[in-house]
C-alpha atoms as a PDB file:
ATOM      1  CA  MET A   1       6.447   9.718 -13.062  1.00  0.00           C
ATOM      2  CA  GLU A   2       3.007  10.572 -14.387  1.00  0.00           C
ATOM      3  CA  GLU A   3       0.422   9.086 -12.037  1.00  0.00           C
ATOM      4  CA  TYR A   4      -1.656   7.572 -14.849  1.00  0.00           C
ATOM      5  CA  LEU A   5       1.422   5.783 -16.212  1.00  0.00           C
ATOM      6  CA  GLU A   6       2.366   4.334 -12.850  1.00  0.00           C
ATOM      7  CA  LYS A   7       2.075   0.552 -12.608  1.00  0.00           C
ATOM      8  CA  TRP A   8      -0.099  -1.058  -9.942  1.00  0.00           C
ATOM      9  CA  ILE A   9       1.762  -3.441  -7.623  1.00  0.00           C
ATOM     10  CA  GLY A  10       0.469  -6.350  -5.539  1.00  0.00           C
ATOM     11  CA  ILE A  11       0.681  -7.041  -1.817  1.00  0.00           C
ATOM     12  CA  GLU A  12       3.976  -8.904  -2.089  1.00  0.00           C
ATOM     13  CA  GLU A  13       5.714  -6.099  -3.969  1.00  0.00           C
ATOM     14  CA  ALA A  14       4.162  -3.433  -1.696  1.00  0.00           C
ATOM     15  CA  ALA A  15       5.399  -5.318   1.370  1.00  0.00           C
ATOM     16  CA  GLU A  16       8.891  -5.565  -0.078  1.00  0.00           C
ATOM     17  CA  TYR A  17       8.806  -1.861  -1.010  1.00  0.00           C
ATOM     18  CA  LEU A  18       7.827  -0.865   2.546  1.00  0.00           C
ATOM     19  CA  GLY A  19      10.120  -3.428   4.171  1.00  0.00           C
ATOM     20  CA  VAL A  20       7.359  -5.318   5.961  1.00  0.00           C
ATOM     21  CA  ASN A  21       5.750  -8.758   5.783  1.00  0.00           C
ATOM     22  CA  LYS A  22       2.778  -9.198   3.440  1.00  0.00           C
ATOM     23  CA  ASP A  23       0.709 -10.297   6.455  1.00  0.00           C
ATOM     24  CA  THR A  24       1.408  -6.839   7.909  1.00  0.00           C
ATOM     25  CA  ILE A  25      -0.034  -5.227   4.776  1.00  0.00           C
ATOM     26  CA  ARG A  26      -3.147  -7.415   5.067  1.00  0.00           C
ATOM     27  CA  SER A  27      -3.467  -6.467   8.730  1.00  0.00           C
ATOM     28  CA  TRP A  28      -3.233  -2.753   7.892  1.00  0.00           C
ATOM     29  CA  ILE A  29      -5.996  -3.159   5.298  1.00  0.00           C
ATOM     30  CA  LYS A  30      -8.253  -4.965   7.810  1.00  0.00           C
ATOM     31  CA  LYS A  31      -7.580  -2.377  10.535  1.00  0.00           C
ATOM     32  CA  ASP A  32      -8.627   0.450   8.184  1.00  0.00           C
ATOM     33  CA  THR A  33      -5.341   2.328   8.575  1.00  0.00           C
ATOM     34  CA  GLU A  34      -6.121   4.336   5.452  1.00  0.00           C
ATOM     35  CA  ILE A  35      -3.337   2.549   3.585  1.00  0.00           C
ATOM     36  CA  PRO A  36      -4.009   3.476  -0.060  1.00  0.00           C
ATOM     37  CA  ALA A  37      -5.142   0.138  -1.466  1.00  0.00           C
ATOM     38  CA  CYS A  38      -7.618  -0.710  -4.209  1.00  0.00           C
ATOM     39  CA  ARG A  39      -9.305  -4.047  -4.530  1.00  0.00           C
ATOM     40  CA  ILE A  40      -9.301  -5.274  -8.101  1.00  0.00           C
ATOM     41  CA  GLY A  41     -11.178  -8.550  -8.283  1.00  0.00           C
ATOM     42  CA  LYS A  42      -9.823 -10.650  -5.425  1.00  0.00           C
ATOM     43  CA  GLN A  43      -6.467  -8.871  -5.279  1.00  0.00           C
ATOM     44  CA  TRP A  44      -5.315  -5.743  -3.489  1.00  0.00           C
ATOM     45  CA  LYS A  45      -3.289  -3.321  -5.597  1.00  0.00           C
ATOM     46  CA  PHE A  46      -1.175  -0.303  -4.683  1.00  0.00           C
ATOM     47  CA  LYS A  47       0.728   2.547  -6.321  1.00  0.00           C
ATOM     48  CA  ARG A  48       4.179   3.337  -4.962  1.00  0.00           C
ATOM     49  CA  SER A  49       3.565   7.093  -5.063  1.00  0.00           C
ATOM     50  CA  GLU A  50       0.428   6.677  -2.918  1.00  0.00           C
ATOM     51  CA  LEU A  51       2.312   4.454  -0.464  1.00  0.00           C
ATOM     52  CA  ASP A  52       5.048   7.103  -0.246  1.00  0.00           C
ATOM     53  CA  ALA A  53       2.471   9.813   0.486  1.00  0.00           C
ATOM     54  CA  TRP A  54       0.811   7.608   3.134  1.00  0.00           C
ATOM     55  CA  VAL A  55       4.136   7.020   4.905  1.00  0.00           C
ATOM     56  CA  LYS A  56       5.070  10.724   4.691  1.00  0.00           C
ATOM     57  CA  SER A  57       1.659  11.699   6.110  1.00  0.00           C
ATOM     58  CA  GLY A  58       2.595   9.917   9.342  1.00  0.00           C
ATOM     59  CA  LYS A  59      -0.464   7.635   9.252  1.00  0.00           C
ATOM     60  CA  SER A  60       1.765   4.559   9.038  1.00  0.00           C
ATOM     61  CA  ALA A  61       3.456   5.597  12.295  1.00  0.00           C
ATOM     62  CA  LEU A  62       0.174   5.357  14.204  1.00  0.00           C
ATOM     63  CA  LEU A  63       0.033   1.570  13.866  1.00  0.00           C
END
């Protein structure tokens, strides 16, 4: 999928996609784990392709 056409997803959908609790996602953001998240207003948003790359990079395994 073209990156610029990819839809942004919220914390709940990102948590479901990664198979974790949304509190875990919030914790990763606070711990500066380099999870690819963008703050838009008061909400955190993610792209699935960036989450995939983050997991494949091994950075998620260091938690």
